[in-house]
Amino acid sequence: MKISIYSTLSCPWCTLAKNYFKGKNIPFEDFNVGLDQAKAKEMIDLSGQMGVPVIKIDDEIIVGFDKARIEKILEKK
């Protein structure tokens, strides 16, 4: 399972999402789209959204910190 989080430093929902995965000892890659324009474009291409966080779990895209949806996806993995 590969998890990527597209985030910014000033986003409280991004912090909640990262803390959620850290608390469950689930590794993830964090991309700061405020500093990395290539990753910002990648995030928009994946999600069609400019808001953060965007969470990618394998091929599933979640816009925002939707804990219920994240847990449902993780249960299947």
PDB file of N, CA and C in Angstrom:
ATOM      1  N   MET A   1       0.850  -1.175   0.000  1.00  0.00           N
ATOM      2  CA  MET A   1       0.000   0.000   0.000  1.00  0.00           C
ATOM      3  C   MET A   1       0.901   1.245   0.000  1.00  0.00           C
ATOM      4  N   LYS A   2       0.629   2.149  -0.927  1.00  0.00           N
ATOM      5  CA  LYS A   2       1.403   3.383  -1.038  1.00  0.00           C
ATOM      6  C   LYS A   2       0.487   4.571  -0.764  1.00  0.00           C
ATOM      7  N   ILE A   3       0.895   5.394   0.202  1.00  0.00           N
ATOM      8  CA  ILE A   3       0.096   6.549   0.585  1.00  0.00           C
ATOM      9  C   ILE A   3       0.897   7.824   0.356  1.00  0.00           C
ATOM     10  N   SER A   4       0.264   8.775  -0.320  1.00  0.00           N
ATOM     11  CA  SER A   4       0.854  10.093  -0.532  1.00  0.00           C
ATOM     12  C   SER A   4      -0.128  11.133  -0.016  1.00  0.00           C
ATOM     13  N   ILE A   5       0.417  12.157   0.656  1.00  0.00           N
ATOM     14  CA  ILE A   5      -0.395  13.264   1.133  1.00  0.00           C
ATOM     15  C   ILE A   5       0.156  14.541   0.521  1.00  0.00           C
ATOM     16  N   TYR A   6      -0.699  15.230  -0.211  1.00  0.00           N
ATOM     17  CA  TYR A   6      -0.352  16.524  -0.788  1.00  0.00           C
ATOM     18  C   TYR A   6      -0.875  17.569   0.184  1.00  0.00           C
ATOM     19  N   SER A   7       0.035  18.397   0.714  1.00  0.00           N
ATOM     20  CA  SER A   7      -0.334  19.276   1.815  1.00  0.00           C
ATOM     21  C   SER A   7       0.393  20.609   1.737  1.00  0.00           C
ATOM     22  N   THR A   8       0.050  21.496   2.670  1.00  0.00           N
ATOM     23  CA  THR A   8       0.796  22.730   2.893  1.00  0.00           C
ATOM     24  C   THR A   8       1.061  22.845   4.392  1.00  0.00           C
ATOM     25  N   LEU A   9       2.038  23.664   4.730  1.00  0.00           N
ATOM     26  CA  LEU A   9       2.398  23.815   6.142  1.00  0.00           C
ATOM     27  C   LEU A   9       1.312  24.515   6.949  1.00  0.00           C
ATOM     28  N   SER A  10       0.533  25.380   6.315  1.00  0.00           N
ATOM     29  CA  SER A  10      -0.453  26.172   7.053  1.00  0.00           C
ATOM     30  C   SER A  10      -1.824  25.518   7.154  1.00  0.00           C
ATOM     31  N   CYS A  11      -1.980  24.309   6.628  1.00  0.00           N
ATOM     32  CA  CYS A  11      -3.282  23.646   6.565  1.00  0.00           C
ATOM     33  C   CYS A  11      -3.517  22.765   7.802  1.00  0.00           C
ATOM     34  N   PRO A  12      -4.492  23.134   8.654  1.00  0.00           N
ATOM     35  CA  PRO A  12      -4.742  22.313   9.849  1.00  0.00           C
ATOM     36  C   PRO A  12      -5.273  20.921   9.515  1.00  0.00           C
ATOM     37  N   TRP A  13      -6.055  20.782   8.425  1.00  0.00           N
ATOM     38  CA  TRP A  13      -6.571  19.467   8.043  1.00  0.00           C
ATOM     39  C   TRP A  13      -5.444  18.567   7.550  1.00  0.00           C
ATOM     40  N   CYS A  14      -4.429  19.158   6.941  1.00  0.00           N
ATOM     41  CA  CYS A  14      -3.258  18.390   6.504  1.00  0.00           C
ATOM     42  C   CYS A  14      -2.532  17.805   7.719  1.00  0.00           C
ATOM     43  N   THR A  15      -2.379  18.635   8.748  1.00  0.00           N
ATOM     44  CA  THR A  15      -1.735  18.185   9.982  1.00  0.00           C
ATOM     45  C   THR A  15      -2.533  17.058  10.616  1.00  0.00           C
ATOM     46  N   LEU A  16      -3.856  17.184  10.650  1.00  0.00           N
ATOM     47  CA  LEU A  16      -4.695  16.114  11.200  1.00  0.00           C
ATOM     48  C   LEU A  16      -4.517  14.818  10.407  1.00  0.00           C
ATOM     49  N   ALA A  17      -4.484  14.920   9.090  1.00  0.00           N
ATOM     50  CA  ALA A  17      -4.328  13.731   8.252  1.00  0.00           C
ATOM     51  C   ALA A  17      -2.985  13.055   8.513  1.00  0.00           C
ATOM     52  N   LYS A  18      -1.922  13.838   8.561  1.00  0.00           N
ATOM     53  CA  LYS A  18      -0.589  13.259   8.792  1.00  0.00           C
ATOM     54  C   LYS A  18      -0.502  12.648  10.187  1.00  0.00           C
ATOM     55  N   ASN A  19      -1.075  13.320  11.179  1.00  0.00           N
ATOM     56  CA  ASN A  19      -1.069  12.777  12.544  1.00  0.00           C
ATOM     57  C   ASN A  19      -1.882  11.489  12.631  1.00  0.00           C
ATOM     58  N   TYR A  20      -2.959  11.402  11.861  1.00  0.00           N
ATOM     59  CA  TYR A  20      -3.776  10.187  11.827  1.00  0.00           C
ATOM     60  C   TYR A  20      -2.923   8.994  11.366  1.00  0.00           C
ATOM     61  N   PHE A  21      -2.226   9.155  10.247  1.00  0.00           N
ATOM     62  CA  PHE A  21      -1.407   8.058   9.723  1.00  0.00           C
ATOM     63  C   PHE A  21      -0.224   7.756  10.650  1.00  0.00           C
ATOM     64  N   LYS A  22       0.393   8.807  11.205  1.00  0.00           N
ATOM     65  CA  LYS A  22       1.496   8.591  12.154  1.00  0.00           C
ATOM     66  C   LYS A  22       1.010   7.811  13.371  1.00  0.00           C
ATOM     67  N   GLY A  23      -0.176   8.166  13.865  1.00  0.00           N
ATOM     68  CA  GLY A  23      -0.741   7.501  15.043  1.00  0.00           C
ATOM     69  C   GLY A  23      -1.033   6.035  14.814  1.00  0.00           C
ATOM     70  N   LYS A  24      -1.272   5.658  13.571  1.00  0.00           N
ATOM     71  CA  LYS A  24      -1.530   4.260  13.226  1.00  0.00           C
ATOM     72  C   LYS A  24      -0.273   3.564  12.710  1.00  0.00           C
ATOM     73  N   ASN A  25       0.868   4.257  12.784  1.00  0.00           N
ATOM     74  CA  ASN A  25       2.145   3.732  12.284  1.00  0.00           C
ATOM     75  C   ASN A  25       2.050   3.282  10.833  1.00  0.00           C
ATOM     76  N   ILE A  26       1.345   4.070  10.020  1.00  0.00           N
ATOM     77  CA  ILE A  26       1.210   3.789   8.594  1.00  0.00           C
ATOM     78  C   ILE A  26       2.109   4.770   7.854  1.00  0.00           C
ATOM     79  N   PRO A  27       3.118   4.266   7.147  1.00  0.00           N
ATOM     80  CA  PRO A  27       4.034   5.174   6.447  1.00  0.00           C
ATOM     81  C   PRO A  27       3.346   5.877   5.273  1.00  0.00           C
ATOM     82  N   PHE A  28       3.781   7.104   5.024  1.00  0.00           N
ATOM     83  CA  PHE A  28       3.244   7.872   3.908  1.00  0.00           C
ATOM     84  C   PHE A  28       4.307   8.849   3.417  1.00  0.00           C
ATOM     85  N   GLU A  29       4.142   9.295   2.179  1.00  0.00           N
ATOM     86  CA  GLU A  29       4.979  10.340   1.622  1.00  0.00           C
ATOM     87  C   GLU A  29       4.210  11.648   1.726  1.00  0.00           C
ATOM     88  N   ASP A  30       4.899  12.697   2.127  1.00  0.00           N
ATOM     89  CA  ASP A  30       4.267  14.012   2.261  1.00  0.00           C
ATOM     90  C   ASP A  30       4.876  14.945   1.230  1.00  0.00           C
ATOM     91  N   PHE A  31       4.015  15.567   0.418  1.00  0.00           N
ATOM     92  CA  PHE A  31       4.466  16.520  -0.580  1.00  0.00           C
ATOM     93  C   PHE A  31       3.917  17.891  -0.240  1.00  0.00           C
ATOM     94  N   ASN A  32       4.805  18.859  -0.011  1.00  0.00           N
ATOM     95  CA  ASN A  32       4.399  20.222   0.305  1.00  0.00           C
ATOM     96  C   ASN A  32       4.147  20.959  -1.014  1.00  0.00           C
ATOM     97  N   VAL A  33       2.881  21.070  -1.386  1.00  0.00           N
ATOM     98  CA  VAL A  33       2.528  21.681  -2.666  1.00  0.00           C
ATOM     99  C   VAL A  33       2.672  23.212  -2.633  1.00  0.00           C
ATOM    100  N   GLY A  34       2.896  23.773  -1.457  1.00  0.00           N
ATOM    101  CA  GLY A  34       3.179  25.201  -1.362  1.00  0.00           C
ATOM    102  C   GLY A  34       4.581  25.530  -1.829  1.00  0.00           C
ATOM    103  N   LEU A  35       5.468  24.549  -1.746  1.00  0.00           N
ATOM    104  CA  LEU A  35       6.864  24.750  -2.137  1.00  0.00           C
ATOM    105  C   LEU A  35       7.225  24.050  -3.442  1.00  0.00           C
ATOM    106  N   ASP A  36       6.493  23.022  -3.806  1.00  0.00           N
ATOM    107  CA  ASP A  36       6.825  22.202  -4.973  1.00  0.00           C
ATOM    108  C   ASP A  36       5.727  22.329  -6.032  1.00  0.00           C
ATOM    109  N   GLN A  37       5.972  23.180  -7.026  1.00  0.00           N
ATOM    110  CA  GLN A  37       4.970  23.442  -8.053  1.00  0.00           C
ATOM    111  C   GLN A  37       4.668  22.217  -8.910  1.00  0.00           C
ATOM    112  N   ALA A  38       5.658  21.359  -9.123  1.00  0.00           N
ATOM    113  CA  ALA A  38       5.427  20.139  -9.903  1.00  0.00           C
ATOM    114  C   ALA A  38       4.456  19.222  -9.163  1.00  0.00           C
ATOM    115  N   LYS A  39       4.617  19.108  -7.853  1.00  0.00           N
ATOM    116  CA  LYS A  39       3.705  18.279  -7.058  1.00  0.00           C
ATOM    117  C   LYS A  39       2.323  18.927  -6.961  1.00  0.00           C
ATOM    118  N   ALA A  40       2.278  20.264  -6.938  1.00  0.00           N
ATOM    119  CA  ALA A  40       0.985  20.957  -6.934  1.00  0.00           C
ATOM    120  C   ALA A  40       0.224  20.635  -8.220  1.00  0.00           C
ATOM    121  N   LYS A  41       0.915  20.668  -9.354  1.00  0.00           N
ATOM    122  CA  LYS A  41       0.277  20.332 -10.627  1.00  0.00           C
ATOM    123  C   LYS A  41      -0.169  18.873 -10.640  1.00  0.00           C
ATOM    124  N   GLU A  42       0.681  17.990 -10.118  1.00  0.00           N
ATOM    125  CA  GLU A  42       0.345  16.566 -10.040  1.00  0.00           C
ATOM    126  C   GLU A  42      -0.926  16.377  -9.201  1.00  0.00           C
ATOM    127  N   MET A  43      -1.024  17.081  -8.075  1.00  0.00           N
ATOM    128  CA  MET A  43      -2.190  16.982  -7.201  1.00  0.00           C
ATOM    129  C   MET A  43      -3.457  17.426  -7.934  1.00  0.00           C
ATOM    130  N   ILE A  44      -3.373  18.530  -8.656  1.00  0.00           N
ATOM    131  CA  ILE A  44      -4.534  19.040  -9.395  1.00  0.00           C
ATOM    132  C   ILE A  44      -4.923  18.068 -10.504  1.00  0.00           C
ATOM    133  N   ASP A  45      -3.926  17.505 -11.190  1.00  0.00           N
ATOM    134  CA  ASP A  45      -4.206  16.519 -12.244  1.00  0.00           C
ATOM    135  C   ASP A  45      -4.894  15.281 -11.674  1.00  0.00           C
ATOM    136  N   LEU A  46      -4.482  14.846 -10.490  1.00  0.00           N
ATOM    137  CA  LEU A  46      -5.063  13.657  -9.856  1.00  0.00           C
ATOM    138  C   LEU A  46      -6.483  13.895  -9.355  1.00  0.00           C
ATOM    139  N   SER A  47      -6.699  15.055  -8.734  1.00  0.00           N
ATOM    140  CA  SER A  47      -7.941  15.280  -8.003  1.00  0.00           C
ATOM    141  C   SER A  47      -8.902  16.258  -8.669  1.00  0.00           C
ATOM    142  N   GLY A  48      -8.376  17.086  -9.556  1.00  0.00           N
ATOM    143  CA  GLY A  48      -9.198  18.143 -10.116  1.00  0.00           C
ATOM    144  C   GLY A  48      -9.448  19.268  -9.116  1.00  0.00           C
ATOM    145  N   GLN A  49      -8.739  19.254  -8.003  1.00  0.00           N
ATOM    146  CA  GLN A  49      -8.947  20.215  -6.916  1.00  0.00           C
ATOM    147  C   GLN A  49      -7.653  20.959  -6.606  1.00  0.00           C
ATOM    148  N   MET A  50      -7.820  22.176  -6.087  1.00  0.00           N
ATOM    149  CA  MET A  50      -6.659  22.941  -5.630  1.00  0.00           C
ATOM    150  C   MET A  50      -6.553  22.939  -4.109  1.00  0.00           C
ATOM    151  N   GLY A  51      -7.598  22.454  -3.427  1.00  0.00           N
ATOM    152  CA  GLY A  51      -7.591  22.429  -1.964  1.00  0.00           C
ATOM    153  C   GLY A  51      -6.786  21.266  -1.426  1.00  0.00           C
ATOM    154  N   VAL A  52      -6.249  21.453  -0.241  1.00  0.00           N
ATOM    155  CA  VAL A  52      -5.487  20.404   0.431  1.00  0.00           C
ATOM    156  C   VAL A  52      -6.190  20.033   1.737  1.00  0.00           C
ATOM    157  N   PRO A  53      -5.938  18.867   2.274  1.00  0.00           N
ATOM    158  CA  PRO A  53      -5.063  17.842   1.724  1.00  0.00           C
ATOM    159  C   PRO A  53      -5.745  17.025   0.627  1.00  0.00           C
ATOM    160  N   VAL A  54      -4.903  16.484  -0.224  1.00  0.00           N
ATOM    161  CA  VAL A  54      -5.333  15.442  -1.147  1.00  0.00           C
ATOM    162  C   VAL A  54      -4.537  14.206  -0.752  1.00  0.00           C
ATOM    163  N   ILE A  55      -5.247  13.136  -0.479  1.00  0.00           N
ATOM    164  CA  ILE A  55      -4.621  11.899  -0.010  1.00  0.00           C
ATOM    165  C   ILE A  55      -4.806  10.838  -1.076  1.00  0.00           C
ATOM    166  N   LYS A  56      -3.709  10.206  -1.454  1.00  0.00           N
ATOM    167  CA  LYS A  56      -3.761   9.124  -2.441  1.00  0.00           C
ATOM    168  C   LYS A  56      -3.357   7.832  -1.741  1.00  0.00           C
ATOM    169  N   ILE A  57      -4.279   6.870  -1.728  1.00  0.00           N
ATOM    170  CA  ILE A  57      -3.995   5.546  -1.170  1.00  0.00           C
ATOM    171  C   ILE A  57      -4.078   4.583  -2.338  1.00  0.00           C
ATOM    172  N   ASP A  58      -2.918   4.102  -2.785  1.00  0.00           N
ATOM    173  CA  ASP A  58      -2.809   3.333  -4.027  1.00  0.00           C
ATOM    174  C   ASP A  58      -3.470   4.136  -5.148  1.00  0.00           C
ATOM    175  N   ASP A  59      -4.586   3.698  -5.697  1.00  0.00           N
ATOM    176  CA  ASP A  59      -5.230   4.428  -6.788  1.00  0.00           C
ATOM    177  C   ASP A  59      -6.449   5.235  -6.336  1.00  0.00           C
ATOM    178  N   GLU A  60      -6.729   5.248  -5.049  1.00  0.00           N
ATOM    179  CA  GLU A  60      -7.884   5.980  -4.509  1.00  0.00           C
ATOM    180  C   GLU A  60      -7.468   7.406  -4.159  1.00  0.00           C
ATOM    181  N   ILE A  61      -8.276   8.376  -4.555  1.00  0.00           N
ATOM    182  CA  ILE A  61      -8.012   9.783  -4.271  1.00  0.00           C
ATOM    183  C   ILE A  61      -9.070  10.299  -3.297  1.00  0.00           C
ATOM    184  N   ILE A  62      -8.607  10.925  -2.220  1.00  0.00           N
ATOM    185  CA  ILE A  62      -9.501  11.505  -1.217  1.00  0.00           C
ATOM    186  C   ILE A  62      -9.150  12.987  -1.110  1.00  0.00           C
ATOM    187  N   VAL A  63     -10.138  13.838  -1.300  1.00  0.00           N
ATOM    188  CA  VAL A  63      -9.935  15.274  -1.148  1.00  0.00           C
ATOM    189  C   VAL A  63     -10.419  15.664   0.243  1.00  0.00           C
ATOM    190  N   GLY A  64      -9.518  16.249   1.022  1.00  0.00           N
ATOM    191  CA  GLY A  64      -9.842  16.605   2.402  1.00  0.00           C
ATOM    192  C   GLY A  64      -9.527  15.448   3.335  1.00  0.00           C
ATOM    193  N   PHE A  65      -9.626  15.715   4.623  1.00  0.00           N
ATOM    194  CA  PHE A  65      -9.386  14.673   5.620  1.00  0.00           C
ATOM    195  C   PHE A  65     -10.717  13.996   5.940  1.00  0.00           C
ATOM    196  N   ASP A  66     -11.060  13.018   5.094  1.00  0.00           N
ATOM    197  CA  ASP A  66     -12.307  12.258   5.243  1.00  0.00           C
ATOM    198  C   ASP A  66     -11.961  10.957   5.964  1.00  0.00           C
ATOM    199  N   LYS A  67     -11.949  11.034   7.293  1.00  0.00           N
ATOM    200  CA  LYS A  67     -11.493   9.911   8.127  1.00  0.00           C
ATOM    201  C   LYS A  67     -12.304   8.641   7.863  1.00  0.00           C
ATOM    202  N   ALA A  68     -13.625   8.768   7.732  1.00  0.00           N
ATOM    203  CA  ALA A  68     -14.467   7.584   7.504  1.00  0.00           C
ATOM    204  C   ALA A  68     -14.093   6.906   6.180  1.00  0.00           C
ATOM    205  N   ARG A  69     -13.887   7.692   5.141  1.00  0.00           N
ATOM    206  CA  ARG A  69     -13.524   7.112   3.845  1.00  0.00           C
ATOM    207  C   ARG A  69     -12.130   6.499   3.894  1.00  0.00           C
ATOM    208  N   ILE A  70     -11.200   7.160   4.573  1.00  0.00           N
ATOM    209  CA  ILE A  70      -9.843   6.623   4.716  1.00  0.00           C
ATOM    210  C   ILE A  70      -9.906   5.268   5.416  1.00  0.00           C
ATOM    211  N   GLU A  71     -10.663   5.190   6.503  1.00  0.00           N
ATOM    212  CA  GLU A  71     -10.749   3.931   7.250  1.00  0.00           C
ATOM    213  C   GLU A  71     -11.386   2.836   6.410  1.00  0.00           C
ATOM    214  N   LYS A  72     -12.382   3.177   5.614  1.00  0.00           N
ATOM    215  CA  LYS A  72     -13.027   2.193   4.756  1.00  0.00           C
ATOM    216  C   LYS A  72     -12.036   1.642   3.726  1.00  0.00           C
ATOM    217  N   ILE A  73     -11.221   2.513   3.160  1.00  0.00           N
ATOM    218  CA  ILE A  73     -10.204   2.082   2.188  1.00  0.00           C
ATOM    219  C   ILE A  73      -9.145   1.227   2.877  1.00  0.00           C
ATOM    220  N   LEU A  74      -8.700   1.646   4.046  1.00  0.00           N
ATOM    221  CA  LEU A  74      -7.654   0.902   4.763  1.00  0.00           C
ATOM    222  C   LEU A  74      -8.144  -0.483   5.174  1.00  0.00           C
ATOM    223  N   GLU A  75      -9.424  -0.619   5.490  1.00  0.00           N
ATOM    224  CA  GLU A  75      -9.979  -1.923   5.859  1.00  0.00           C
ATOM    225  C   GLU A  75      -9.859  -2.929   4.719  1.00  0.00           C
ATOM    226  N   LYS A  76      -9.962  -2.427   3.489  1.00  0.00           N
ATOM    227  CA  LYS A  76      -9.885  -3.309   2.321  1.00  0.00           C
ATOM    228  C   LYS A  76      -8.457  -3.718   1.983  1.00  0.00           C
ATOM    229  N   LYS A  77      -7.470  -3.018   2.530  1.00  0.00           N
ATOM    230  CA  LYS A  77      -6.057  -3.273   2.179  1.00  0.00           C
ATOM    231  C   LYS A  77      -5.447  -4.346   3.040  1.00  0.00           C
TER     232      LYS A  77
END
